[in-house]
Amino acid sequence: LLQDPSEEAERVELSVGASTVPAQYLLPGLLSGFLQRHGESRFLLRRGDSAQVHALLNQGEVRIGVVGAALDRRSFVYQTLCEDRMVLVTAVTERFQALKARGVCGRELLDESYIVREETSGTRRAAEGYWRKHGIFPEKLRIVACMDNPEAIRRSVAEGMGVSVMSELSVREEAEAGRLLTFELDEDGFSRRIYLVWRRDVNLSRTEQAFVSYLRAELRK
């Protein structure tokens, strides 16, 4: 196993890689809370999609990841951190408002123009897994744009370019403000898992272990 790089002192820098949704909507408050308890620590936070975070871990550029897809269980340790509800997002129009009032599910709106995340995104992998499970092949969707930025997707949806499947975390503020509409994908709803991840050949330091324990405890509340 690779040992902690510092033999003479406990590691206080926490190098973390996070995929897009956790980095923007999950971690900021949690990092702040951890620092209030462990003031000697500091963070190096790198952001990418789930595949890019795995690459950062492999290259040793970060030691802990927070991702929306478990890509290699032989080489990495994964711990489920939380569930992330996925919703279909639309513009606020009279037609979509009427459909929502009727209780229409997102799965019934797949003939709309559709905006997707990049192929290596955990959000896209989760959405495509859901479609296939229900006999809907992604290549049959009317895809009008592929974007790697949730903010760009939200703005494009709001302007009427198309609909998209997104993390509820990433659209909660806009939905509550009435700028976007959200539809459950089906009657039961659909969630993906957000994972903590690190390489199997890495021993986490005491501070890193404390960070992992803190995240899991906070998100169980």
C-alpha atoms as a PDB file:
ATOM      1  CA  LEU A   1       0.000   0.000   0.000  1.00  0.00           C
ATOM      2  CA  LEU A   2       1.131   3.545  -0.648  1.00  0.00           C
ATOM      3  CA  GLN A   3       1.882   5.180   2.653  1.00  0.00           C
ATOM      4  CA  ASP A   4       0.995   8.686   3.747  1.00  0.00           C
ATOM      5  CA  PRO A   5       3.528  10.969   2.007  1.00  0.00           C
ATOM      6  CA  SER A   6       4.469  12.675   5.273  1.00  0.00           C
ATOM      7  CA  GLU A   7       6.102  10.381   7.837  1.00  0.00           C
ATOM      8  CA  GLU A   8       7.003  13.110  10.315  1.00  0.00           C
ATOM      9  CA  ALA A   9       3.682  14.964  10.514  1.00  0.00           C
ATOM     10  CA  GLU A  10       0.027  14.195  10.012  1.00  0.00           C
ATOM     11  CA  ARG A  11      -1.301  15.374   6.670  1.00  0.00           C
ATOM     12  CA  VAL A  12      -3.383  18.546   7.064  1.00  0.00           C
ATOM     13  CA  GLU A  13      -3.955  19.277   3.361  1.00  0.00           C
ATOM     14  CA  LEU A  14      -6.934  17.452   1.949  1.00  0.00           C
ATOM     15  CA  SER A  15      -6.809  17.025  -1.820  1.00  0.00           C
ATOM     16  CA  VAL A  16     -10.308  16.322  -3.080  1.00  0.00           C
ATOM     17  CA  GLY A  17     -11.636  15.816  -6.588  1.00  0.00           C
ATOM     18  CA  ALA A  18     -15.360  16.305  -7.103  1.00  0.00           C
ATOM     19  CA  SER A  19     -17.623  15.841 -10.067  1.00  0.00           C
ATOM     20  CA  THR A  20     -19.769  18.745 -11.175  1.00  0.00           C
ATOM     21  CA  VAL A  21     -22.909  18.391  -9.056  1.00  0.00           C
ATOM     22  CA  PRO A  22     -21.187  17.523  -5.741  1.00  0.00           C
ATOM     23  CA  ALA A  23     -18.571  20.244  -6.270  1.00  0.00           C
ATOM     24  CA  GLN A  24     -21.133  22.977  -6.824  1.00  0.00           C
ATOM     25  CA  TYR A  25     -24.110  21.981  -4.699  1.00  0.00           C
ATOM     26  CA  LEU A  26     -23.004  19.499  -2.025  1.00  0.00           C
ATOM     27  CA  LEU A  27     -19.462  20.172  -0.878  1.00  0.00           C
ATOM     28  CA  PRO A  28     -19.203  23.938  -0.212  1.00  0.00           C
ATOM     29  CA  GLY A  29     -21.180  23.867   3.028  1.00  0.00           C
ATOM     30  CA  LEU A  30     -19.616  20.578   4.115  1.00  0.00           C
ATOM     31  CA  LEU A  31     -16.050  21.828   3.573  1.00  0.00           C
ATOM     32  CA  SER A  32     -16.844  24.906   5.624  1.00  0.00           C
ATOM     33  CA  GLY A  33     -18.283  22.798   8.431  1.00  0.00           C
ATOM     34  CA  PHE A  34     -15.246  20.511   8.506  1.00  0.00           C
ATOM     35  CA  LEU A  35     -12.862  23.468   8.701  1.00  0.00           C
ATOM     36  CA  GLN A  36     -14.762  24.827  11.694  1.00  0.00           C
ATOM     37  CA  ARG A  37     -13.901  21.592  13.517  1.00  0.00           C
ATOM     38  CA  HIS A  38     -10.440  21.053  12.028  1.00  0.00           C
ATOM     39  CA  GLY A  39      -8.970  24.511  11.673  1.00  0.00           C
ATOM     40  CA  GLU A  40      -5.497  23.115  10.981  1.00  0.00           C
ATOM     41  CA  SER A  41      -6.708  21.619   7.703  1.00  0.00           C
ATOM     42  CA  ARG A  42      -6.855  23.165   4.262  1.00  0.00           C
ATOM     43  CA  PHE A  43      -8.426  21.938   1.043  1.00  0.00           C
ATOM     44  CA  LEU A  44      -7.228  21.554  -2.509  1.00  0.00           C
ATOM     45  CA  LEU A  45     -10.430  21.058  -4.525  1.00  0.00           C
ATOM     46  CA  ARG A  46     -10.289  19.945  -8.163  1.00  0.00           C
ATOM     47  CA  ARG A  47     -13.415  19.707 -10.305  1.00  0.00           C
ATOM     48  CA  GLY A  48     -14.229  17.596 -13.341  1.00  0.00           C
ATOM     49  CA  ASP A  49     -16.794  15.067 -14.440  1.00  0.00           C
ATOM     50  CA  SER A  50     -16.802  11.604 -12.845  1.00  0.00           C
ATOM     51  CA  ALA A  51     -14.317  10.150 -15.340  1.00  0.00           C
ATOM     52  CA  GLN A  52     -11.952  13.096 -14.903  1.00  0.00           C
ATOM     53  CA  VAL A  53     -12.027  12.722 -11.115  1.00  0.00           C
ATOM     54  CA  HIS A  54     -11.072   9.052 -11.453  1.00  0.00           C
ATOM     55  CA  ALA A  55      -8.167  10.130 -13.678  1.00  0.00           C
ATOM     56  CA  LEU A  56      -7.032  12.647 -11.046  1.00  0.00           C
ATOM     57  CA  LEU A  57      -7.093   9.889  -8.435  1.00  0.00           C
ATOM     58  CA  ASN A  58      -5.098   7.553 -10.684  1.00  0.00           C
ATOM     59  CA  GLN A  59      -2.509  10.260 -11.328  1.00  0.00           C
ATOM     60  CA  GLY A  60      -2.151  11.007  -7.610  1.00  0.00           C
ATOM     61  CA  GLU A  61      -3.291  14.605  -8.049  1.00  0.00           C
ATOM     62  CA  VAL A  62      -6.078  14.105  -5.498  1.00  0.00           C
ATOM     63  CA  ARG A  63      -6.495  11.426  -2.831  1.00  0.00           C
ATOM     64  CA  ILE A  64     -10.261  11.481  -2.244  1.00  0.00           C
ATOM     65  CA  GLY A  65     -13.050  11.852  -4.792  1.00  0.00           C
ATOM     66  CA  VAL A  66     -16.760  12.613  -4.652  1.00  0.00           C
ATOM     67  CA  VAL A  67     -18.435  11.327  -7.808  1.00  0.00           C
ATOM     68  CA  GLY A  68     -21.763  10.373  -9.321  1.00  0.00           C
ATOM     69  CA  ALA A  69     -20.611   7.122 -10.959  1.00  0.00           C
ATOM     70  CA  ALA A  70     -18.635   4.083  -9.739  1.00  0.00           C
ATOM     71  CA  LEU A  71     -16.446   3.296 -12.748  1.00  0.00           C
ATOM     72  CA  ASP A  72     -13.837   0.781 -11.511  1.00  0.00           C
ATOM     73  CA  ARG A  73     -14.584  -1.229  -8.367  1.00  0.00           C
ATOM     74  CA  ARG A  74     -11.431  -3.322  -8.734  1.00  0.00           C
ATOM     75  CA  SER A  75      -9.095  -0.347  -8.424  1.00  0.00           C
ATOM     76  CA  PHE A  76     -11.097   1.941  -6.146  1.00  0.00           C
ATOM     77  CA  VAL A  77     -12.947   1.842  -2.845  1.00  0.00           C
ATOM     78  CA  TYR A  78     -16.449   3.344  -3.049  1.00  0.00           C
ATOM     79  CA  GLN A  79     -18.667   4.363  -0.156  1.00  0.00           C
ATOM     80  CA  THR A  80     -22.184   5.620  -0.791  1.00  0.00           C
ATOM     81  CA  LEU A  81     -22.431   9.177   0.474  1.00  0.00           C
ATOM     82  CA  CYS A  82     -26.032  10.064  -0.377  1.00  0.00           C
ATOM     83  CA  GLU A  83     -28.838   9.659  -2.872  1.00  0.00           C
ATOM     84  CA  ASP A  84     -29.225  12.313  -5.569  1.00  0.00           C
ATOM     85  CA  ARG A  85     -32.727  12.583  -7.034  1.00  0.00           C
ATOM     86  CA  MET A  86     -32.902  13.014 -10.804  1.00  0.00           C
ATOM     87  CA  VAL A  87     -35.692  15.060 -12.385  1.00  0.00           C
ATOM     88  CA  LEU A  88     -36.705  16.145 -15.873  1.00  0.00           C
ATOM     89  CA  VAL A  89     -36.467  19.925 -16.168  1.00  0.00           C
ATOM     90  CA  THR A  90     -38.497  22.129 -18.503  1.00  0.00           C
ATOM     91  CA  ALA A  91     -39.137  25.790 -19.200  1.00  0.00           C
ATOM     92  CA  VAL A  92     -42.025  27.466 -17.411  1.00  0.00           C
ATOM     93  CA  THR A  93     -44.663  27.579 -20.140  1.00  0.00           C
ATOM     94  CA  GLU A  94     -48.426  27.236 -20.031  1.00  0.00           C
ATOM     95  CA  ARG A  95     -48.205  23.857 -21.756  1.00  0.00           C
ATOM     96  CA  PHE A  96     -45.672  22.403 -19.331  1.00  0.00           C
ATOM     97  CA  GLN A  97     -47.520  23.907 -16.358  1.00  0.00           C
ATOM     98  CA  ALA A  98     -50.701  22.198 -17.539  1.00  0.00           C
ATOM     99  CA  LEU A  99     -48.874  18.886 -17.960  1.00  0.00           C
ATOM    100  CA  LYS A 100     -47.414  19.169 -14.475  1.00  0.00           C
ATOM    101  CA  ALA A 101     -50.845  19.960 -13.025  1.00  0.00           C
ATOM    102  CA  ARG A 102     -52.154  16.774 -14.686  1.00  0.00           C
ATOM    103  CA  GLY A 103     -49.435  14.727 -12.953  1.00  0.00           C
ATOM    104  CA  VAL A 104     -47.525  13.860 -16.119  1.00  0.00           C
ATOM    105  CA  CYS A 105     -44.171  12.129 -15.481  1.00  0.00           C
ATOM    106  CA  GLY A 106     -40.900  13.115 -17.100  1.00  0.00           C
ATOM    107  CA  ARG A 107     -40.730   9.791 -18.905  1.00  0.00           C
ATOM    108  CA  GLU A 108     -43.768  10.892 -20.908  1.00  0.00           C
ATOM    109  CA  LEU A 109     -41.969  13.961 -22.272  1.00  0.00           C
ATOM    110  CA  LEU A 110     -39.208  12.240 -24.203  1.00  0.00           C
ATOM    111  CA  ASP A 111     -40.487  13.386 -27.564  1.00  0.00           C
ATOM    112  CA  GLU A 112     -39.347  16.909 -26.635  1.00  0.00           C
ATOM    113  CA  SER A 113     -36.053  18.362 -27.808  1.00  0.00           C
ATOM    114  CA  TYR A 114     -33.484  17.062 -25.338  1.00  0.00           C
ATOM    115  CA  ILE A 115     -30.266  18.539 -23.902  1.00  0.00           C
ATOM    116  CA  VAL A 116     -27.665  16.130 -22.517  1.00  0.00           C
ATOM    117  CA  ARG A 117     -24.484  16.338 -20.450  1.00  0.00           C
ATOM    118  CA  GLU A 118     -21.155  15.168 -21.856  1.00  0.00           C
ATOM    119  CA  GLU A 119     -20.673  11.395 -22.259  1.00  0.00           C
ATOM    120  CA  THR A 120     -18.321  11.011 -19.262  1.00  0.00           C
ATOM    121  CA  SER A 121     -20.712  12.766 -16.879  1.00  0.00           C
ATOM    122  CA  GLY A 122     -22.182  10.752 -14.002  1.00  0.00           C
ATOM    123  CA  THR A 123     -25.492  12.544 -14.563  1.00  0.00           C
ATOM    124  CA  ARG A 124     -25.624  11.365 -18.166  1.00  0.00           C
ATOM    125  CA  ARG A 125     -24.623   7.805 -17.241  1.00  0.00           C
ATOM    126  CA  ALA A 126     -27.410   7.683 -14.652  1.00  0.00           C
ATOM    127  CA  ALA A 127     -29.991   9.058 -17.079  1.00  0.00           C
ATOM    128  CA  GLU A 128     -29.011   6.644 -19.848  1.00  0.00           C
ATOM    129  CA  GLY A 129     -29.094   3.722 -17.416  1.00  0.00           C
ATOM    130  CA  TYR A 130     -32.629   4.736 -16.439  1.00  0.00           C
ATOM    131  CA  TRP A 131     -33.768   5.013 -20.057  1.00  0.00           C
ATOM    132  CA  ARG A 132     -32.371   1.610 -20.979  1.00  0.00           C
ATOM    133  CA  LYS A 133     -33.936  -0.006 -17.915  1.00  0.00           C
ATOM    134  CA  HIS A 134     -37.304   1.191 -19.201  1.00  0.00           C
ATOM    135  CA  GLY A 135     -36.700   0.150 -22.803  1.00  0.00           C
ATOM    136  CA  ILE A 136     -35.916   3.661 -24.043  1.00  0.00           C
ATOM    137  CA  PHE A 137     -32.781   3.825 -26.175  1.00  0.00           C
ATOM    138  CA  PRO A 138     -30.845   7.114 -25.887  1.00  0.00           C
ATOM    139  CA  GLU A 139     -30.197   7.180 -29.641  1.00  0.00           C
ATOM    140  CA  LYS A 140     -33.946   7.525 -30.170  1.00  0.00           C
ATOM    141  CA  LEU A 141     -34.058  10.805 -28.227  1.00  0.00           C
ATOM    142  CA  ARG A 142     -34.194  14.063 -30.177  1.00  0.00           C
ATOM    143  CA  ILE A 143     -30.917  15.477 -28.832  1.00  0.00           C
ATOM    144  CA  VAL A 144     -30.381  19.111 -29.805  1.00  0.00           C
ATOM    145  CA  ALA A 145     -27.345  19.951 -27.653  1.00  0.00           C
ATOM    146  CA  CYS A 146     -24.612  18.382 -25.515  1.00  0.00           C
ATOM    147  CA  MET A 147     -23.205  20.632 -22.765  1.00  0.00           C
ATOM    148  CA  ASP A 148     -20.682  20.114 -19.970  1.00  0.00           C
ATOM    149  CA  ASN A 149     -21.960  22.864 -17.685  1.00  0.00           C
ATOM    150  CA  PRO A 150     -25.159  22.579 -15.596  1.00  0.00           C
ATOM    151  CA  GLU A 151     -25.569  26.356 -15.570  1.00  0.00           C
ATOM    152  CA  ALA A 152     -25.565  26.448 -19.369  1.00  0.00           C
ATOM    153  CA  ILE A 153     -28.115  23.633 -19.457  1.00  0.00           C
ATOM    154  CA  ARG A 154     -30.383  25.389 -16.949  1.00  0.00           C
ATOM    155  CA  ARG A 155     -30.297  28.623 -18.932  1.00  0.00           C
ATOM    156  CA  SER A 156     -30.911  26.806 -22.213  1.00  0.00           C
ATOM    157  CA  VAL A 157     -33.879  24.922 -20.754  1.00  0.00           C
ATOM    158  CA  ALA A 158     -35.316  28.133 -19.307  1.00  0.00           C
ATOM    159  CA  GLU A 159     -35.061  29.745 -22.759  1.00  0.00           C
ATOM    160  CA  GLY A 160     -37.020  26.894 -24.323  1.00  0.00           C
ATOM    161  CA  MET A 161     -34.242  25.101 -26.201  1.00  0.00           C
ATOM    162  CA  GLY A 162     -35.306  21.738 -24.811  1.00  0.00           C
ATOM    163  CA  VAL A 163     -35.757  19.613 -21.709  1.00  0.00           C
ATOM    164  CA  SER A 164     -33.060  17.827 -19.717  1.00  0.00           C
ATOM    165  CA  VAL A 165     -32.595  15.276 -16.946  1.00  0.00           C
ATOM    166  CA  MET A 166     -30.660  16.914 -14.125  1.00  0.00           C
ATOM    167  CA  SER A 167     -29.827  16.488 -10.466  1.00  0.00           C
ATOM    168  CA  GLU A 168     -32.576  17.949  -8.302  1.00  0.00           C
ATOM    169  CA  LEU A 169     -29.802  19.550  -6.231  1.00  0.00           C
ATOM    170  CA  SER A 170     -28.634  21.538  -9.245  1.00  0.00           C
ATOM    171  CA  VAL A 171     -32.058  23.001 -10.083  1.00  0.00           C
ATOM    172  CA  ARG A 172     -33.668  23.337  -6.650  1.00  0.00           C
ATOM    173  CA  GLU A 173     -33.121  27.082  -6.366  1.00  0.00           C
ATOM    174  CA  GLU A 174     -34.479  27.824  -9.855  1.00  0.00           C
ATOM    175  CA  ALA A 175     -37.485  25.537  -9.341  1.00  0.00           C
ATOM    176  CA  GLU A 176     -38.361  27.127  -5.999  1.00  0.00           C
ATOM    177  CA  ALA A 177     -38.052  30.577  -7.592  1.00  0.00           C
ATOM    178  CA  GLY A 178     -40.400  29.582 -10.415  1.00  0.00           C
ATOM    179  CA  ARG A 179     -37.783  29.858 -13.157  1.00  0.00           C
ATOM    180  CA  LEU A 180     -37.887  26.145 -14.076  1.00  0.00           C
ATOM    181  CA  LEU A 181     -40.366  23.282 -13.779  1.00  0.00           C
ATOM    182  CA  THR A 182     -39.346  19.830 -12.567  1.00  0.00           C
ATOM    183  CA  PHE A 183     -41.038  16.497 -13.278  1.00  0.00           C
ATOM    184  CA  GLU A 184     -40.395  13.211 -11.474  1.00  0.00           C
ATOM    185  CA  LEU A 185     -39.212  10.690 -14.053  1.00  0.00           C
ATOM    186  CA  ASP A 186     -41.914   8.219 -12.996  1.00  0.00           C
ATOM    187  CA  GLU A 187     -44.365   7.577 -10.173  1.00  0.00           C
ATOM    188  CA  ASP A 188     -41.650   6.200  -7.878  1.00  0.00           C
ATOM    189  CA  GLY A 189     -39.031   8.824  -8.674  1.00  0.00           C
ATOM    190  CA  PHE A 190     -35.443   7.989  -9.611  1.00  0.00           C
ATOM    191  CA  SER A 191     -32.200   8.628  -7.743  1.00  0.00           C
ATOM    192  CA  ARG A 192     -28.557   7.934  -8.397  1.00  0.00           C
ATOM    193  CA  ARG A 193     -25.854   7.492  -5.762  1.00  0.00           C
ATOM    194  CA  ILE A 194     -23.133   9.968  -4.918  1.00  0.00           C
ATOM    195  CA  TYR A 195     -19.964   8.149  -3.850  1.00  0.00           C
ATOM    196  CA  LEU A 196     -16.846   8.833  -1.867  1.00  0.00           C
ATOM    197  CA  VAL A 197     -13.957   7.163  -3.670  1.00  0.00           C
ATOM    198  CA  TRP A 198     -10.238   6.571  -3.212  1.00  0.00           C
ATOM    199  CA  ARG A 199      -7.648   4.195  -4.646  1.00  0.00           C
ATOM    200  CA  ARG A 200      -7.390   0.766  -3.068  1.00  0.00           C
ATOM    201  CA  ASP A 201      -3.604   1.078  -2.798  1.00  0.00           C
ATOM    202  CA  VAL A 202      -3.823   4.304  -0.760  1.00  0.00           C
ATOM    203  CA  ASN A 203      -3.919   4.472   3.035  1.00  0.00           C
ATOM    204  CA  LEU A 204      -5.946   7.475   4.135  1.00  0.00           C
ATOM    205  CA  SER A 205      -4.354   9.656   6.797  1.00  0.00           C
ATOM    206  CA  ARG A 206      -6.122  10.318  10.106  1.00  0.00           C
ATOM    207  CA  THR A 207      -7.315  13.701   8.838  1.00  0.00           C
ATOM    208  CA  GLU A 208      -8.595  12.168   5.616  1.00  0.00           C
ATOM    209  CA  GLN A 209     -10.381   9.452   7.585  1.00  0.00           C
ATOM    210  CA  ALA A 210     -11.924  12.146   9.797  1.00  0.00           C
ATOM    211  CA  PHE A 211     -13.106  13.993   6.671  1.00  0.00           C
ATOM    212  CA  VAL A 212     -14.716  10.845   5.244  1.00  0.00           C
ATOM    213  CA  SER A 213     -16.454  10.159   8.572  1.00  0.00           C
ATOM    214  CA  TYR A 214     -17.624  13.772   8.813  1.00  0.00           C
ATOM    215  CA  LEU A 215     -19.174  13.759   5.331  1.00  0.00           C
ATOM    216  CA  ARG A 216     -21.018  10.504   5.951  1.00  0.00           C
ATOM    217  CA  ALA A 217     -22.306  11.644   9.342  1.00  0.00           C
ATOM    218  CA  GLU A 218     -23.503  15.026   8.057  1.00  0.00           C
ATOM    219  CA  LEU A 219     -25.348  13.565   5.100  1.00  0.00           C
ATOM    220  CA  ARG A 220     -27.103  10.979   7.272  1.00  0.00           C
ATOM    221  CA  LYS A 221     -28.801  13.762   9.244  1.00  0.00           C
END
